[in-house]
Amino acid sequence: MKKALLFVCSLLISMSANAADFESAKDAVKNMGLGWNLGNTLDANDATKTWKTTEEHETCWGQPVTTPELLKMMKEAGFGAIRVPVTWYQEMDANGKVNDAWMKRVKEVVDYVIDNGMYCLLNVHHDTGADGGTFKSWIKASGANYTANKAKYEGLWKQIAETFKDYDQHLLFEAYNEMLDEKNTWNEPLDKTDGYKAINDYAKSFVTVVRATGGNNAKRNLVVNTYSASNAPAAMKALELPEETGHIAFQIHNYPNWKDESTTRNLIDNLISDIKTNLISKGAPVIIGEYATLTTWPADLDYYDKDRKLALYAMDYFVKKTKEAGIGTFYWMGLSDGIFRIQPIFNQPDLVKTLINAYYGSTDGYKFPTLEDTGVLNCLQYEKTIAWGTGITINENAFSLFENNVKLQLSFRLESETEPDIQFNDGNWKHLSGVIVDGTAIGADYNPQGTVGTEYSITVTFSQDVYNKLSQSGMIIQGNNVTITKAVLEGTPVTGITPLRIERPADNLIYNLSGQRVSSPSKGIYIQNGKKIIIK
């Protein structure tokens, strides 16, 4: 009995010692280096659908399934931390229990980050945020909401904390993303007393429930956000420090309108001054969990496309000044986006290099693979059996990356001898003419012949007219009794062209967070051309 008691005591002491060895939040923010967001991936959601697989959920906003190779590329490019936004509500049952398969998938992605030697910031994302269409976030900055959902929120975090309790200091938890009040108000709640109190109540619940799970969670570094992750001085000032242990960090987001170099410097300098006055002064470090070359107000505008020189200048100044102030930063998406993540390669290599050079003072020793390095773009992540009405899509931006001598290397396997067919359509489902397979014009349909189960390969080229269509609308490949195993574009890359978002519509249409088209958006958060925009 004494031996058993001694063993238990020694185990508890060992666990306590391990937790006590955790670096402080201030050191973690310093040591994690430059960060990046794995956005529109595990945070994607669609309230109108029920997911059959984690892959369907993860890819519903157009990003491919995340692979270890993508995170390895980010590590080799110089990034030291990855923020993994996760939306949970569609994977929770009526009692608040998270689907085992979803929790397992989240754990896999976290492991990709940790196994590549990076810090990981894991959060509760679009369970908060602006309502739109059929989507309504269940976590709101109001006293009534907190009372109604306290048990469910704490239950969610208990499950997350229990799953990851043995992870070391490289894993941080973030309580919630951009939490708004019942009126979806940005920057500051309409009822400041009620809204700010609810934010602080949720933050304290988060910290309390995570700490109670024990293990390494006793000293894990935890992150709490301002109201709507706002960088407004009032919102920063209203956020309370939920505990005084040295293991809490604050978070805000930043999407300003740069305008010109002078405005850029002033905005960044003022932001840092406000952060020091209203947050760092409370005794905790600060993370800017989202920033980018885009501004969301008064209009969605990406300076990377409008004014590349200013965009790169702003990012250089921003990273240098935030590092100097001891503020952590996580770039929002971009850099490697959509179809580029399959390979993976960077589609904004100059921006990546700017960020890395600003942080480390050099890009020496880091790797930045691009399309220009290979002349090859992999357009299919996993093999897919095509059928009439369902197939594979290659976005128009993928074709426009190449000169008109582009070739599509297609590999496939016959599933049956009964009328196997591969049909080529433009992105509007119209049959293409002028498609050439292995030197022979076929029109829209190619009827392969061969042995069932055997893999074959063909080279598909296009007339000038067809190439022009593909560059405008993309391609859809459907068919019958055929499984496509590889789809690779090869050719001479067009220099100086960087597409926006490969898998999301590049049509300026606006979609709510459920993926539904919105013709007259009200205030809130939306997706346009694959980017998060905020309408205030």
Protein backbone atom coordinates (compact mmCIF):
# COMPACT_ATOMS: atom_id res chain seq x y z
CA MET A 1 0.00 0.00 0.00
CA LYS A 2 2.85 2.34 0.92
CA LYS A 3 4.64 1.50 -2.34
CA ALA A 4 1.48 2.27 -4.30
CA LEU A 5 1.03 5.55 -2.45
CA LEU A 6 4.66 6.49 -3.05
CA PHE A 7 4.27 5.66 -6.73
CA VAL A 8 1.18 7.88 -7.05
CA CYS A 9 2.88 10.71 -5.20
CA SER A 10 6.00 10.47 -7.34
CA LEU A 11 3.86 10.43 -10.48
CA LEU A 12 2.00 13.57 -9.40
CA ILE A 13 5.29 15.27 -8.53
CA SER A 14 6.72 14.28 -11.91
CA MET A 15 3.66 15.65 -13.74
CA SER A 16 3.84 18.86 -11.74
CA ALA A 17 7.54 19.19 -12.46
CA ASN A 18 7.01 18.71 -16.16
CA ALA A 19 4.30 21.37 -16.24
CA ALA A 20 6.44 23.69 -14.13
CA ASP A 21 9.21 23.40 -16.70
CA PHE A 22 7.00 25.08 -19.31
CA GLU A 23 8.42 28.31 -20.65
CA SER A 24 6.49 31.47 -19.89
CA ALA A 25 4.03 32.89 -22.37
CA LYS A 26 6.47 35.74 -23.01
CA ASP A 27 9.24 33.30 -23.90
CA ALA A 28 6.88 31.22 -26.03
CA VAL A 29 5.88 34.24 -28.12
CA LYS A 30 9.56 35.05 -28.58
CA ASN A 31 10.64 31.49 -29.36
CA MET A 32 7.86 30.61 -31.80
CA GLY A 33 9.20 33.06 -34.37
CA LEU A 34 7.12 33.88 -37.42
CA GLY A 35 3.67 32.29 -37.66
CA TRP A 36 1.18 31.32 -40.40
CA ASN A 37 -2.53 30.43 -40.38
CA LEU A 38 -3.79 27.18 -41.87
CA GLY A 39 -6.96 29.04 -42.80
CA ASN A 40 -10.20 27.96 -44.51
CA THR A 41 -9.35 24.36 -43.70
CA LEU A 42 -10.37 22.83 -40.35
CA ASP A 43 -12.24 26.08 -39.68
CA ALA A 44 -14.37 25.67 -42.82
CA ASN A 45 -18.05 24.90 -42.26
CA ASP A 46 -21.44 24.78 -43.95
CA ALA A 47 -24.51 24.74 -41.73
CA THR A 48 -26.65 23.38 -44.59
CA LYS A 49 -24.72 20.11 -44.82
CA THR A 50 -24.01 17.03 -42.75
CA TRP A 51 -20.52 15.71 -43.29
CA LYS A 52 -19.98 12.03 -44.00
CA THR A 53 -16.21 12.24 -43.77
CA THR A 54 -13.66 14.59 -42.26
CA GLU A 55 -12.30 15.12 -45.78
CA GLU A 56 -15.65 16.54 -46.95
CA HIS A 57 -15.65 18.94 -44.01
CA GLU A 58 -12.01 19.97 -44.32
CA THR A 59 -12.23 20.73 -48.04
CA CYS A 60 -15.68 22.40 -48.19
CA TRP A 61 -14.16 25.88 -48.65
CA GLY A 62 -11.89 24.78 -51.46
CA GLN A 63 -8.62 24.04 -49.72
CA PRO A 64 -7.13 20.56 -50.23
CA VAL A 65 -6.66 18.09 -47.41
CA THR A 66 -3.72 19.20 -45.26
CA THR A 67 -0.60 17.05 -45.56
CA PRO A 68 2.62 16.75 -43.53
CA GLU A 69 4.48 17.92 -46.64
CA LEU A 70 2.74 21.31 -46.53
CA LEU A 71 3.80 21.91 -42.94
CA LYS A 72 7.32 20.66 -43.71
CA MET A 73 7.52 23.26 -46.49
CA MET A 74 6.45 26.00 -44.08
CA LYS A 75 9.10 24.90 -41.59
CA GLU A 76 11.82 24.84 -44.24
CA ALA A 77 10.76 28.31 -45.38
CA GLY A 78 11.47 29.65 -41.89
CA PHE A 79 8.11 29.60 -40.11
CA GLY A 80 8.25 28.58 -36.47
CA ALA A 81 4.57 28.43 -35.59
CA ILE A 82 1.25 27.48 -37.20
CA ARG A 83 -2.16 28.64 -36.02
CA VAL A 84 -4.70 25.87 -36.65
CA PRO A 85 -8.22 27.37 -36.63
CA VAL A 86 -10.91 24.74 -35.99
CA THR A 87 -14.70 25.00 -36.18
CA TRP A 88 -16.40 22.43 -33.97
CA TYR A 89 -20.18 22.92 -34.02
CA GLN A 90 -20.90 20.59 -36.96
CA GLU A 91 -18.93 17.83 -35.29
CA MET A 92 -20.72 17.98 -31.92
CA ASP A 93 -23.79 15.96 -30.99
CA ALA A 94 -26.79 17.27 -29.05
CA ASN A 95 -24.92 16.66 -25.79
CA GLY A 96 -21.86 18.57 -26.96
CA LYS A 97 -19.64 15.53 -27.54
CA VAL A 98 -17.16 15.98 -30.39
CA ASN A 99 -17.20 13.38 -33.13
CA ASP A 100 -14.28 10.99 -32.53
CA ALA A 101 -13.23 11.08 -36.19
CA TRP A 102 -13.08 14.90 -36.18
CA MET A 103 -11.05 15.03 -32.97
CA LYS A 104 -8.69 12.43 -34.45
CA ARG A 105 -8.29 14.52 -37.61
CA VAL A 106 -7.60 17.69 -35.61
CA LYS A 107 -4.99 15.75 -33.64
CA GLU A 108 -3.38 14.54 -36.87
CA VAL A 109 -2.98 18.08 -38.17
CA VAL A 110 -1.64 19.32 -34.83
CA ASP A 111 0.86 16.45 -34.96
CA TYR A 112 1.97 17.51 -38.45
CA VAL A 113 2.89 20.88 -36.95
CA ILE A 114 4.54 19.57 -33.80
CA ASP A 115 6.42 16.81 -35.62
CA ASN A 116 7.98 19.44 -37.87
CA GLY A 117 9.38 21.18 -34.82
CA MET A 118 6.99 24.14 -34.82
CA TYR A 119 4.69 25.67 -32.24
CA CYS A 120 0.98 25.10 -32.76
CA LEU A 121 -1.85 27.43 -31.74
CA LEU A 122 -5.15 25.50 -31.62
CA ASN A 123 -8.47 27.31 -31.21
CA VAL A 124 -12.28 27.40 -31.33
CA HIS A 125 -12.91 29.42 -34.50
CA HIS A 126 -16.22 29.89 -36.38
CA ASP A 127 -18.25 28.70 -33.43
CA THR A 128 -17.91 32.43 -32.85
CA GLY A 129 -18.30 35.19 -35.43
CA ALA A 130 -20.88 37.01 -37.50
CA ASP A 131 -24.17 35.37 -38.40
CA GLY A 132 -25.25 35.07 -42.01
CA GLY A 133 -27.69 33.00 -44.05
CA THR A 134 -28.43 29.78 -42.18
CA PHE A 135 -25.31 30.12 -40.03
CA LYS A 136 -25.58 31.40 -36.46
CA SER A 137 -22.61 31.19 -34.14
CA TRP A 138 -23.44 29.72 -30.75
CA ILE A 139 -20.81 31.57 -28.71
CA LYS A 140 -21.74 35.23 -28.24
CA ALA A 141 -20.38 38.08 -26.14
CA SER A 142 -23.48 38.52 -24.00
CA GLY A 143 -24.37 37.59 -20.46
CA ALA A 144 -27.45 35.65 -21.55
CA ASN A 145 -25.44 33.64 -24.06
CA TYR A 146 -22.73 32.89 -21.53
CA THR A 147 -25.28 31.62 -19.02
CA ALA A 148 -27.00 29.46 -21.62
CA ASN A 149 -23.81 28.01 -23.17
CA LYS A 150 -21.32 27.98 -20.30
CA ALA A 151 -21.62 24.22 -19.74
CA LYS A 152 -21.40 23.42 -23.46
CA TYR A 153 -18.39 25.71 -23.97
CA GLU A 154 -16.57 24.34 -20.95
CA GLY A 155 -17.44 20.80 -22.06
CA LEU A 156 -15.91 21.43 -25.48
CA TRP A 157 -12.70 22.75 -24.01
CA LYS A 158 -12.54 19.89 -21.52
CA GLN A 159 -12.60 17.43 -24.42
CA ILE A 160 -9.92 19.35 -26.32
CA ALA A 161 -7.76 19.75 -23.22
CA GLU A 162 -8.04 16.06 -22.29
CA THR A 163 -7.05 15.03 -25.81
CA PHE A 164 -3.91 17.16 -25.81
CA LYS A 165 -3.01 17.23 -22.08
CA ASP A 166 0.27 15.34 -22.60
CA TYR A 167 1.57 17.64 -25.33
CA ASP A 168 4.56 19.78 -24.41
CA GLN A 169 4.96 23.55 -24.44
CA HIS A 170 4.91 23.73 -28.24
CA LEU A 171 1.11 23.49 -28.15
CA LEU A 172 -0.91 26.53 -27.07
CA PHE A 173 -4.70 26.80 -26.77
CA GLU A 174 -6.71 29.82 -27.96
CA ALA A 175 -10.05 30.28 -26.19
CA TYR A 176 -12.17 31.66 -29.06
CA ASN A 177 -11.68 33.57 -32.31
CA GLU A 178 -13.63 36.75 -33.14
CA MET A 179 -16.47 36.71 -30.62
CA LEU A 180 -19.25 39.22 -31.33
CA ASP A 181 -22.39 40.24 -29.47
CA GLU A 182 -25.92 39.23 -30.44
CA LYS A 183 -26.06 42.10 -32.95
CA ASN A 184 -22.85 41.03 -34.74
CA THR A 185 -21.17 44.29 -33.81
CA TRP A 186 -17.50 44.69 -34.72
CA ASN A 187 -14.73 46.43 -32.75
CA GLU A 188 -16.82 47.16 -29.65
CA PRO A 189 -20.07 45.59 -28.34
CA LEU A 190 -23.22 47.70 -28.42
CA ASP A 191 -23.73 47.06 -24.73
CA LYS A 192 -20.20 47.59 -23.53
CA THR A 193 -20.87 46.55 -19.96
CA ASP A 194 -22.58 43.30 -20.88
CA GLY A 195 -20.39 42.50 -23.91
CA TYR A 196 -17.04 43.02 -22.23
CA LYS A 197 -18.12 41.15 -19.11
CA ALA A 198 -19.15 38.17 -21.25
CA ILE A 199 -15.76 38.16 -23.01
CA ASN A 200 -13.99 38.06 -19.67
CA ASP A 201 -16.37 35.41 -18.31
CA TYR A 202 -15.71 33.16 -21.32
CA ALA A 203 -11.96 33.74 -20.96
CA LYS A 204 -12.03 32.75 -17.29
CA SER A 205 -14.13 29.66 -18.01
CA PHE A 206 -11.64 28.62 -20.65
CA VAL A 207 -8.65 28.99 -18.37
CA THR A 208 -10.38 27.30 -15.43
CA VAL A 209 -11.53 24.23 -17.33
CA VAL A 210 -8.20 23.71 -19.12
CA ARG A 211 -6.22 24.01 -15.88
CA ALA A 212 -8.56 21.54 -14.15
CA THR A 213 -7.64 18.77 -16.62
CA GLY A 214 -4.16 18.66 -15.10
CA GLY A 215 -1.06 17.20 -16.68
CA ASN A 216 0.78 19.67 -18.86
CA ASN A 217 -2.37 21.76 -19.05
CA ALA A 218 -1.61 22.99 -15.54
CA LYS A 219 0.99 25.35 -16.98
CA ARG A 220 0.18 25.31 -20.70
CA ASN A 221 0.35 28.73 -22.31
CA LEU A 222 -3.18 29.88 -23.09
CA VAL A 223 -4.41 32.68 -25.34
CA VAL A 224 -7.47 34.90 -24.86
CA ASN A 225 -8.74 37.40 -27.43
CA THR A 226 -10.22 40.85 -27.18
CA TYR A 227 -13.83 41.41 -28.22
CA SER A 228 -14.01 40.53 -31.96
CA ALA A 229 -10.19 40.21 -31.74
CA SER A 230 -10.34 43.99 -32.14
CA ASN A 231 -7.24 46.17 -31.87
CA ALA A 232 -9.36 49.17 -30.83
CA PRO A 233 -7.86 50.65 -27.65
CA ALA A 234 -11.17 50.34 -25.78
CA ALA A 235 -11.48 46.63 -26.62
CA MET A 236 -7.90 45.98 -25.57
CA LYS A 237 -8.34 47.93 -22.36
CA ALA A 238 -11.50 46.00 -21.46
CA LEU A 239 -9.89 42.56 -21.68
CA GLU A 240 -8.85 41.28 -18.27
CA LEU A 241 -5.96 38.99 -17.43
CA PRO A 242 -7.77 35.78 -16.36
CA GLU A 243 -4.90 34.57 -14.15
CA GLU A 244 -1.51 35.84 -13.01
CA THR A 245 0.70 32.84 -13.70
CA GLY A 246 2.85 34.10 -16.56
CA HIS A 247 1.20 31.55 -18.86
CA ILE A 248 -1.41 33.78 -20.52
CA ALA A 249 -1.08 35.68 -23.81
CA PHE A 250 -3.49 38.17 -25.35
CA GLN A 251 -4.49 38.14 -29.03
CA ILE A 252 -5.80 40.72 -31.51
CA HIS A 253 -6.17 40.83 -35.31
CA ASN A 254 -5.11 43.53 -37.75
CA TYR A 255 -6.32 44.29 -41.31
CA PRO A 256 -5.64 48.02 -41.81
CA ASN A 257 -5.84 50.20 -44.90
CA TRP A 258 -2.20 50.94 -45.72
CA LYS A 259 -2.79 53.63 -48.41
CA ASP A 260 0.86 54.74 -48.66
CA GLU A 261 4.21 54.29 -46.91
CA SER A 262 3.70 57.17 -44.49
CA THR A 263 0.26 55.94 -43.47
CA THR A 264 1.65 52.44 -43.12
CA ARG A 265 4.36 53.49 -40.70
CA ASN A 266 1.95 55.59 -38.65
CA LEU A 267 -0.66 52.82 -38.44
CA ILE A 268 1.89 50.24 -37.34
CA ASP A 269 3.62 52.54 -34.87
CA ASN A 270 0.31 53.58 -33.34
CA LEU A 271 -0.89 49.97 -33.16
CA ILE A 272 2.22 48.90 -31.28
CA SER A 273 1.93 51.86 -28.93
CA ASP A 274 -1.72 50.98 -28.21
CA ILE A 275 -0.80 47.33 -27.59
CA LYS A 276 1.91 48.28 -25.11
CA THR A 277 -0.39 50.68 -23.27
CA ASN A 278 -3.53 48.58 -23.15
CA LEU A 279 -2.37 44.95 -23.12
CA ILE A 280 1.32 44.36 -22.49
CA SER A 281 1.09 46.68 -19.48
CA LYS A 282 -1.18 44.07 -17.85
CA GLY A 283 1.69 41.64 -17.64
CA ALA A 284 1.09 39.35 -20.63
CA PRO A 285 2.58 39.19 -24.12
CA VAL A 286 0.53 39.80 -27.26
CA ILE A 287 -0.01 37.81 -30.44
CA ILE A 288 -1.42 39.34 -33.62
CA GLY A 289 -3.12 36.15 -34.72
CA GLU A 290 -4.24 37.43 -38.13
CA TYR A 291 -2.81 40.04 -40.48
CA ALA A 292 -2.25 40.17 -44.23
CA THR A 293 -1.67 42.44 -47.22
CA LEU A 294 -5.41 42.96 -47.47
CA THR A 295 -7.77 45.46 -45.91
CA THR A 296 -11.40 44.66 -45.23
CA TRP A 297 -12.67 48.17 -44.60
CA PRO A 298 -13.96 50.33 -46.22
CA ALA A 299 -13.66 47.83 -49.09
CA ASP A 300 -12.09 44.44 -49.65
CA LEU A 301 -8.75 45.24 -51.22
CA ASP A 302 -5.54 43.26 -51.43
CA TYR A 303 -2.52 45.49 -51.83
CA TYR A 304 -0.55 42.51 -53.05
CA ASP A 305 -2.53 42.76 -56.28
CA LYS A 306 -3.18 46.50 -56.33
CA ASP A 307 0.20 47.83 -55.21
CA ARG A 308 2.79 45.09 -54.77
CA LYS A 309 5.56 47.48 -53.75
CA LEU A 310 3.47 48.99 -50.94
CA ALA A 311 2.27 45.56 -49.80
CA LEU A 312 5.81 44.26 -49.42
CA TYR A 313 6.93 47.47 -47.75
CA ALA A 314 4.08 47.21 -45.23
CA MET A 315 4.84 43.58 -44.41
CA ASP A 316 8.54 44.29 -43.99
CA TYR A 317 7.91 47.20 -41.62
CA PHE A 318 5.15 45.34 -39.74
CA VAL A 319 7.22 42.24 -39.03
CA LYS A 320 10.32 44.18 -38.03
CA LYS A 321 8.45 46.45 -35.64
CA THR A 322 6.33 43.74 -34.03
CA LYS A 323 9.38 41.55 -33.46
CA GLU A 324 11.21 44.51 -31.95
CA ALA A 325 8.27 44.99 -29.56
CA GLY A 326 8.12 41.30 -28.62
CA ILE A 327 4.75 40.81 -30.33
CA GLY A 328 4.02 37.50 -32.05
CA THR A 329 2.52 37.42 -35.56
CA PHE A 330 0.61 34.85 -37.65
CA TYR A 331 0.03 35.68 -41.34
CA TRP A 332 -3.52 34.90 -42.49
CA MET A 333 -3.55 32.24 -45.23
CA GLY A 334 -2.08 33.26 -48.58
CA LEU A 335 1.54 32.36 -49.38
CA SER A 336 0.59 28.81 -50.39
CA ASP A 337 -3.06 28.63 -51.20
CA GLY A 338 -5.59 26.31 -52.80
CA ILE A 339 -4.19 24.00 -55.44
CA PHE A 340 -0.62 25.06 -54.60
CA ARG A 341 -0.87 23.26 -51.26
CA ILE A 342 -1.25 19.92 -53.04
CA GLN A 343 2.31 19.91 -54.41
CA PRO A 344 3.14 21.90 -52.20
CA ILE A 345 4.68 25.12 -53.53
CA PHE A 346 4.36 28.84 -52.83
CA ASN A 347 2.21 31.01 -55.06
CA GLN A 348 3.39 34.24 -53.35
CA PRO A 349 7.13 33.57 -53.01
CA ASP A 350 8.13 37.25 -52.96
CA LEU A 351 5.79 37.84 -50.03
CA VAL A 352 7.12 34.81 -48.16
CA LYS A 353 10.69 35.98 -48.65
CA THR A 354 9.76 39.48 -47.47
CA LEU A 355 8.30 38.12 -44.23
CA ILE A 356 11.24 35.80 -43.58
CA ASN A 357 13.85 38.42 -44.39
CA ALA A 358 12.13 40.98 -42.16
CA TYR A 359 12.12 38.59 -39.22
CA TYR A 360 15.54 36.97 -39.57
CA GLY A 361 17.42 39.61 -41.54
CA SER A 362 18.16 37.14 -44.33
CA THR A 363 16.58 34.39 -46.41
CA ASP A 364 19.78 32.32 -46.51
CA GLY A 365 19.25 28.67 -45.69
CA TYR A 366 15.49 28.73 -46.22
CA LYS A 367 13.61 27.09 -49.08
CA PHE A 368 10.86 28.63 -51.20
CA PRO A 369 9.70 26.12 -53.85
CA THR A 370 7.66 27.63 -56.69
CA LEU A 371 6.04 26.67 -59.97
CA GLU A 372 8.93 28.28 -61.84
CA ASP A 373 11.27 25.71 -60.27
CA THR A 374 9.50 22.73 -61.84
CA GLY A 375 7.08 23.89 -64.54
CA VAL A 376 4.67 21.31 -63.09
CA LEU A 377 1.42 21.83 -61.18
CA ASN A 378 -0.26 18.84 -59.53
CA CYS A 379 -4.03 19.35 -59.77
CA LEU A 380 -5.29 16.18 -58.10
CA GLN A 381 -4.60 15.25 -54.49
CA TYR A 382 -6.25 11.83 -54.44
CA GLU A 383 -7.50 9.52 -57.17
CA LYS A 384 -11.16 10.03 -58.05
CA THR A 385 -13.67 7.86 -59.89
CA ILE A 386 -15.51 10.17 -62.27
CA ALA A 387 -19.15 9.83 -63.28
CA TRP A 388 -21.71 11.81 -65.21
CA GLY A 389 -22.38 14.97 -63.25
CA THR A 390 -19.38 14.48 -60.95
CA GLY A 391 -15.75 14.72 -61.80
CA ILE A 392 -12.62 16.72 -61.16
CA THR A 393 -12.28 20.46 -61.57
CA ILE A 394 -9.17 22.39 -62.53
CA ASN A 395 -9.62 26.09 -61.81
CA GLU A 396 -9.03 28.69 -64.52
CA ASN A 397 -6.19 30.23 -62.56
CA ALA A 398 -4.25 27.00 -62.84
CA PHE A 399 -4.31 27.24 -66.64
CA SER A 400 -3.50 30.95 -66.69
CA LEU A 401 -0.25 30.20 -64.86
CA PHE A 402 1.15 28.72 -68.07
CA GLU A 403 1.79 29.86 -71.60
CA ASN A 404 -0.62 28.40 -74.15
CA ASN A 405 1.65 25.41 -74.72
CA VAL A 406 0.37 23.82 -71.51
CA LYS A 407 -0.08 20.04 -71.42
CA LEU A 408 -2.33 18.01 -69.16
CA GLN A 409 -0.74 14.71 -68.19
CA LEU A 410 -3.64 12.47 -67.25
CA SER A 411 -3.37 8.99 -65.75
CA PHE A 412 -6.41 6.77 -65.25
CA ARG A 413 -7.62 3.26 -64.54
CA LEU A 414 -10.52 1.52 -66.26
CA GLU A 415 -13.16 0.28 -63.84
CA SER A 416 -15.28 -1.56 -66.43
CA GLU A 417 -15.23 -2.43 -70.11
CA THR A 418 -18.76 -1.04 -70.45
CA GLU A 419 -18.54 2.26 -72.32
CA PRO A 420 -15.61 3.85 -70.48
CA ASP A 421 -15.48 7.56 -71.25
CA ILE A 422 -13.52 10.67 -70.28
CA GLN A 423 -15.29 13.89 -71.23
CA PHE A 424 -13.71 17.34 -71.22
CA ASN A 425 -15.88 20.38 -70.42
CA ASP A 426 -15.16 23.99 -69.63
CA GLY A 427 -15.97 25.35 -66.19
CA ASN A 428 -19.56 26.04 -67.29
CA TRP A 429 -20.11 22.38 -68.20
CA LYS A 430 -20.02 23.07 -71.94
CA HIS A 431 -18.34 20.44 -74.12
CA LEU A 432 -14.95 21.45 -75.45
CA SER A 433 -13.89 21.10 -79.05
CA GLY A 434 -10.25 21.28 -80.03
CA VAL A 435 -9.05 18.86 -77.35
CA ILE A 436 -6.12 16.74 -78.53
CA VAL A 437 -5.13 13.42 -76.95
CA ASP A 438 -1.70 12.02 -77.83
CA GLY A 439 -1.72 14.08 -81.03
CA THR A 440 -5.24 13.14 -82.17
CA ALA A 441 -8.17 15.57 -82.08
CA ILE A 442 -11.06 13.99 -80.16
CA GLY A 443 -13.62 16.72 -79.64
CA ALA A 444 -14.95 16.54 -76.09
CA ASP A 445 -14.95 12.76 -75.50
CA TYR A 446 -12.09 10.30 -75.21
CA ASN A 447 -13.08 6.63 -75.16
CA PRO A 448 -10.19 4.67 -73.66
CA GLN A 449 -9.64 1.05 -74.54
CA GLY A 450 -7.72 -1.45 -72.45
CA THR A 451 -7.73 -3.90 -69.58
CA VAL A 452 -9.82 -3.29 -66.48
CA GLY A 453 -7.63 -2.42 -63.51
CA THR A 454 -4.64 -1.36 -65.60
CA GLU A 455 -3.39 2.22 -65.35
CA TYR A 456 -2.89 4.20 -68.55
CA SER A 457 -1.50 7.67 -69.25
CA ILE A 458 -2.33 10.21 -71.96
CA THR A 459 -1.08 13.68 -72.88
CA VAL A 460 -3.86 16.20 -73.45
CA THR A 461 -3.19 19.44 -75.36
CA PHE A 462 -5.48 22.20 -76.54
CA SER A 463 -6.11 24.49 -79.47
CA GLN A 464 -5.65 28.20 -78.86
CA ASP A 465 -9.41 28.75 -78.62
CA VAL A 466 -9.80 26.00 -76.01
CA TYR A 467 -6.85 27.27 -74.01
CA ASN A 468 -8.44 30.72 -73.94
CA LYS A 469 -11.67 29.21 -72.58
CA LEU A 470 -9.82 27.20 -69.96
CA SER A 471 -7.95 30.30 -68.79
CA GLN A 472 -11.30 32.03 -68.29
CA SER A 473 -13.52 29.31 -66.85
CA GLY A 474 -11.37 26.29 -66.01
CA MET A 475 -12.04 22.65 -66.83
CA ILE A 476 -14.36 19.94 -65.55
CA ILE A 477 -13.55 16.33 -66.40
CA GLN A 478 -16.45 13.91 -66.03
CA GLY A 479 -17.11 10.50 -67.53
CA ASN A 480 -18.01 6.88 -66.97
CA ASN A 481 -16.28 3.81 -65.51
CA VAL A 482 -12.91 5.55 -65.18
CA THR A 483 -10.83 6.49 -62.14
CA ILE A 484 -8.47 9.44 -62.61
CA THR A 485 -5.25 8.75 -60.70
CA LYS A 486 -3.15 11.76 -61.76
CA ALA A 487 -3.79 15.17 -63.31
CA VAL A 488 -0.70 17.31 -63.80
CA LEU A 489 -0.30 20.50 -65.82
CA GLU A 490 3.09 20.99 -67.45
CA GLY A 491 4.42 23.87 -69.48
CA THR A 492 6.21 27.18 -69.45
CA PRO A 493 5.11 29.24 -66.44
CA VAL A 494 4.01 32.81 -67.07
CA THR A 495 6.30 35.02 -65.01
CA GLY A 496 4.90 37.77 -62.83
CA ILE A 497 1.42 36.30 -62.46
CA THR A 498 0.14 35.21 -59.07
CA PRO A 499 -3.48 34.06 -58.90
CA LEU A 500 -5.67 34.97 -55.95
CA ARG A 501 -7.32 31.84 -54.64
CA ILE A 502 -7.29 28.73 -56.75
CA GLU A 503 -10.25 26.76 -55.45
CA ARG A 504 -12.64 29.58 -54.57
CA PRO A 505 -14.59 31.48 -57.24
CA ALA A 506 -12.58 34.39 -58.66
CA ASP A 507 -15.78 36.21 -59.59
CA ASN A 508 -16.11 38.82 -56.82
CA LEU A 509 -19.25 37.10 -55.57
CA ILE A 510 -19.74 37.20 -51.81
CA TYR A 511 -20.47 34.09 -49.73
CA ASN A 512 -21.41 33.75 -46.08
CA LEU A 513 -19.50 31.48 -43.73
CA SER A 514 -21.82 28.63 -44.68
CA GLY A 515 -20.67 28.88 -48.30
CA GLN A 516 -23.93 30.40 -49.54
CA ARG A 517 -23.98 33.26 -52.03
CA VAL A 518 -25.12 36.59 -50.54
CA SER A 519 -26.42 39.27 -52.90
CA SER A 520 -26.85 42.06 -50.34
CA PRO A 521 -24.53 41.38 -47.41
CA SER A 522 -25.17 43.20 -44.15
CA LYS A 523 -22.56 43.79 -41.48
CA GLY A 524 -20.51 40.73 -40.77
CA ILE A 525 -17.78 38.40 -41.96
CA TYR A 526 -17.90 36.87 -45.44
CA ILE A 527 -15.77 35.05 -48.03
CA GLN A 528 -14.96 36.72 -51.36
CA ASN A 529 -12.56 35.20 -53.87
CA GLY A 530 -11.47 32.81 -51.14
CA LYS A 531 -10.53 35.57 -48.69
CA LYS A 532 -12.13 36.55 -45.42
CA ILE A 533 -13.70 40.02 -45.63
CA ILE A 534 -15.41 42.05 -42.96
CA ILE A 535 -18.33 44.33 -43.77
CA LYS A 536 -18.98 46.79 -40.98
